[in-house]
Amino acid sequence: MKNKIEIYRRELNMTQQDLAEKVKVSRQTIISLEKGRYNPSILLAHHIARVFQKNIEQVFIFEEEGNEQ
């Protein structure tokens, strides 16, 4: 899953540590999210989106895994 965390975080002049503290996770979690190595729980995604005053869909881009039938 792709995301715009880094883009929105930089728009607000926030560090990774600032965002981590606001959503109560480690800075390493924010780094992993920004690099796409970790998909957040729905609760964490909601908290991150609220910090940016965005909808979850504006922050996280859900991609279909193909048209398996």
N, C-alpha and C. Protein backbone atom coordinates (compact mmCIF):
# COMPACT_ATOMS: atom_id res chain seq x y z
N MET A 1 0.85 -1.17 0.00
CA MET A 1 0.00 0.00 0.00
C MET A 1 0.90 1.24 0.00
N LYS A 2 0.59 2.15 -0.89
CA LYS A 2 1.33 3.41 -0.95
C LYS A 2 0.66 4.42 -0.02
N ASN A 3 1.41 5.47 0.32
CA ASN A 3 0.83 6.49 1.19
C ASN A 3 1.50 7.84 0.92
N LYS A 4 0.88 8.87 1.46
CA LYS A 4 1.38 10.24 1.32
C LYS A 4 1.79 10.82 2.67
N ILE A 5 2.18 9.96 3.58
CA ILE A 5 2.54 10.41 4.92
C ILE A 5 3.66 11.44 4.88
N GLU A 6 4.73 11.13 4.18
CA GLU A 6 5.87 12.04 4.15
C GLU A 6 5.48 13.39 3.54
N ILE A 7 4.68 13.37 2.49
CA ILE A 7 4.25 14.62 1.84
C ILE A 7 3.47 15.49 2.81
N TYR A 8 2.46 14.91 3.46
CA TYR A 8 1.63 15.69 4.38
C TYR A 8 2.42 16.10 5.62
N ARG A 9 3.31 15.22 6.09
CA ARG A 9 4.13 15.55 7.26
C ARG A 9 5.02 16.75 6.97
N ARG A 10 5.64 16.76 5.81
CA ARG A 10 6.53 17.87 5.45
C ARG A 10 5.74 19.17 5.25
N GLU A 11 4.51 19.06 4.71
CA GLU A 11 3.67 20.25 4.54
C GLU A 11 3.42 20.93 5.88
N LEU A 12 3.34 20.14 6.93
CA LEU A 12 3.10 20.67 8.28
C LEU A 12 4.40 20.94 9.05
N ASN A 13 5.54 20.80 8.35
CA ASN A 13 6.85 20.99 8.98
C ASN A 13 7.02 20.13 10.23
N MET A 14 6.54 18.89 10.14
CA MET A 14 6.67 17.95 11.25
C MET A 14 7.84 17.01 10.98
N THR A 15 8.53 16.64 12.03
CA THR A 15 9.54 15.60 11.92
C THR A 15 8.85 14.24 12.07
N GLN A 16 9.57 13.20 11.73
CA GLN A 16 9.04 11.85 11.94
C GLN A 16 8.76 11.64 13.43
N GLN A 17 9.63 12.17 14.27
CA GLN A 17 9.44 12.04 15.72
C GLN A 17 8.18 12.76 16.17
N ASP A 18 7.93 13.96 15.63
CA ASP A 18 6.72 14.70 15.99
C ASP A 18 5.46 13.88 15.68
N LEU A 19 5.42 13.31 14.47
CA LEU A 19 4.26 12.52 14.07
C LEU A 19 4.15 11.28 14.94
N ALA A 20 5.27 10.63 15.19
CA ALA A 20 5.26 9.43 16.03
C ALA A 20 4.66 9.72 17.40
N GLU A 21 5.06 10.83 17.99
CA GLU A 21 4.54 11.19 19.32
C GLU A 21 3.04 11.47 19.27
N LYS A 22 2.59 12.13 18.21
CA LYS A 22 1.16 12.46 18.10
C LYS A 22 0.29 11.21 17.99
N VAL A 23 0.80 10.18 17.30
CA VAL A 23 -0.01 8.98 17.10
C VAL A 23 0.42 7.82 18.00
N LYS A 24 1.36 8.13 18.92
CA LYS A 24 1.79 7.18 19.95
C LYS A 24 2.41 5.89 19.40
N VAL A 25 3.34 6.08 18.45
CA VAL A 25 4.13 4.96 17.94
C VAL A 25 5.60 5.39 17.94
N SER A 26 6.49 4.48 17.59
CA SER A 26 7.91 4.83 17.53
C SER A 26 8.22 5.56 16.22
N ARG A 27 9.32 6.28 16.22
CA ARG A 27 9.78 6.94 14.99
C ARG A 27 10.08 5.88 13.93
N GLN A 28 10.57 4.73 14.36
CA GLN A 28 10.88 3.64 13.43
C GLN A 28 9.61 3.17 12.70
N THR A 29 8.48 3.18 13.39
CA THR A 29 7.21 2.82 12.74
C THR A 29 6.87 3.82 11.65
N ILE A 30 7.05 5.10 11.92
CA ILE A 30 6.78 6.13 10.91
C ILE A 30 7.71 5.95 9.71
N ILE A 31 8.98 5.67 9.97
CA ILE A 31 9.93 5.44 8.88
C ILE A 31 9.47 4.26 8.03
N SER A 32 9.08 3.17 8.67
CA SER A 32 8.62 1.98 7.93
C SER A 32 7.37 2.26 7.13
N LEU A 33 6.46 3.04 7.70
CA LEU A 33 5.24 3.41 6.97
C LEU A 33 5.59 4.24 5.74
N GLU A 34 6.43 5.24 5.91
CA GLU A 34 6.79 6.13 4.81
C GLU A 34 7.48 5.37 3.68
N LYS A 35 8.25 4.36 4.03
CA LYS A 35 8.96 3.58 3.01
C LYS A 35 8.10 2.45 2.43
N GLY A 36 6.89 2.30 2.94
CA GLY A 36 5.99 1.28 2.42
C GLY A 36 6.32 -0.13 2.87
N ARG A 37 7.10 -0.25 3.93
CA ARG A 37 7.48 -1.58 4.44
C ARG A 37 6.49 -2.12 5.45
N TYR A 38 5.55 -1.28 5.85
CA TYR A 38 4.61 -1.66 6.92
C TYR A 38 3.25 -1.07 6.60
N ASN A 39 2.21 -1.87 6.70
CA ASN A 39 0.84 -1.38 6.53
C ASN A 39 0.24 -1.18 7.91
N PRO A 40 -0.33 -0.02 8.15
CA PRO A 40 -0.86 0.28 9.50
C PRO A 40 -2.18 -0.43 9.76
N SER A 41 -2.49 -0.57 11.03
CA SER A 41 -3.83 -1.02 11.40
C SER A 41 -4.81 0.08 11.00
N ILE A 42 -6.06 -0.24 10.92
CA ILE A 42 -7.06 0.76 10.55
C ILE A 42 -7.10 1.86 11.60
N LEU A 43 -6.88 1.52 12.85
CA LEU A 43 -6.87 2.52 13.92
C LEU A 43 -5.69 3.49 13.77
N LEU A 44 -4.51 2.95 13.49
CA LEU A 44 -3.35 3.82 13.29
C LEU A 44 -3.53 4.68 12.05
N ALA A 45 -4.05 4.11 10.98
CA ALA A 45 -4.30 4.88 9.75
C ALA A 45 -5.26 6.03 10.05
N HIS A 46 -6.28 5.77 10.85
CA HIS A 46 -7.25 6.79 11.22
C HIS A 46 -6.57 7.91 12.03
N HIS A 47 -5.73 7.54 12.98
CA HIS A 47 -5.04 8.54 13.80
C HIS A 47 -4.12 9.42 12.93
N ILE A 48 -3.40 8.79 12.03
CA ILE A 48 -2.49 9.54 11.15
C ILE A 48 -3.29 10.50 10.27
N ALA A 49 -4.38 10.02 9.68
CA ALA A 49 -5.21 10.87 8.83
C ALA A 49 -5.76 12.05 9.61
N ARG A 50 -6.17 11.83 10.86
CA ARG A 50 -6.70 12.92 11.67
C ARG A 50 -5.66 13.98 11.97
N VAL A 51 -4.41 13.56 12.19
CA VAL A 51 -3.33 14.54 12.42
C VAL A 51 -3.22 15.47 11.22
N PHE A 52 -3.37 14.90 10.01
CA PHE A 52 -3.25 15.69 8.79
C PHE A 52 -4.56 16.35 8.37
N GLN A 53 -5.63 16.10 9.14
CA GLN A 53 -6.97 16.61 8.81
C GLN A 53 -7.39 16.17 7.41
N LYS A 54 -7.17 14.88 7.14
CA LYS A 54 -7.50 14.27 5.85
C LYS A 54 -8.32 13.01 6.11
N ASN A 55 -8.94 12.50 5.04
CA ASN A 55 -9.59 11.20 5.10
C ASN A 55 -8.51 10.13 4.93
N ILE A 56 -8.78 8.94 5.44
CA ILE A 56 -7.82 7.84 5.29
C ILE A 56 -7.46 7.65 3.81
N GLU A 57 -8.45 7.75 2.93
CA GLU A 57 -8.23 7.53 1.50
C GLU A 57 -7.32 8.59 0.88
N GLN A 58 -7.23 9.76 1.49
CA GLN A 58 -6.33 10.80 0.99
C GLN A 58 -4.88 10.53 1.39
N VAL A 59 -4.69 9.79 2.45
CA VAL A 59 -3.35 9.51 2.96
C VAL A 59 -2.83 8.17 2.46
N PHE A 60 -3.71 7.18 2.43
CA PHE A 60 -3.31 5.82 2.06
C PHE A 60 -3.97 5.43 0.74
N ILE A 61 -3.16 4.92 -0.19
CA ILE A 61 -3.65 4.53 -1.50
C ILE A 61 -3.72 3.02 -1.55
N PHE A 62 -4.94 2.51 -1.54
CA PHE A 62 -5.15 1.07 -1.57
C PHE A 62 -5.10 0.60 -3.01
N GLU A 63 -4.28 -0.38 -3.28
CA GLU A 63 -4.15 -0.91 -4.63
C GLU A 63 -4.69 -2.32 -4.69
N GLU A 64 -5.46 -2.61 -5.71
CA GLU A 64 -5.99 -3.95 -5.90
C GLU A 64 -4.84 -4.86 -6.28
N GLU A 65 -4.90 -6.12 -5.83
CA GLU A 65 -3.83 -7.07 -6.11
C GLU A 65 -4.05 -7.84 -7.41
N GLY A 66 -4.85 -7.29 -8.30
CA GLY A 66 -5.09 -7.99 -9.55
C GLY A 66 -6.51 -8.46 -9.64
N ASN A 67 -6.88 -8.90 -10.78
CA ASN A 67 -8.26 -9.38 -11.01
C ASN A 67 -8.30 -10.89 -10.99
N GLU A 68 -8.09 -11.46 -9.82
CA GLU A 68 -8.14 -12.92 -9.68
C GLU A 68 -9.58 -13.37 -9.71
N GLN A 69 -9.80 -14.44 -10.44
CA GLN A 69 -11.19 -14.94 -10.56
C GLN A 69 -11.33 -16.33 -10.03
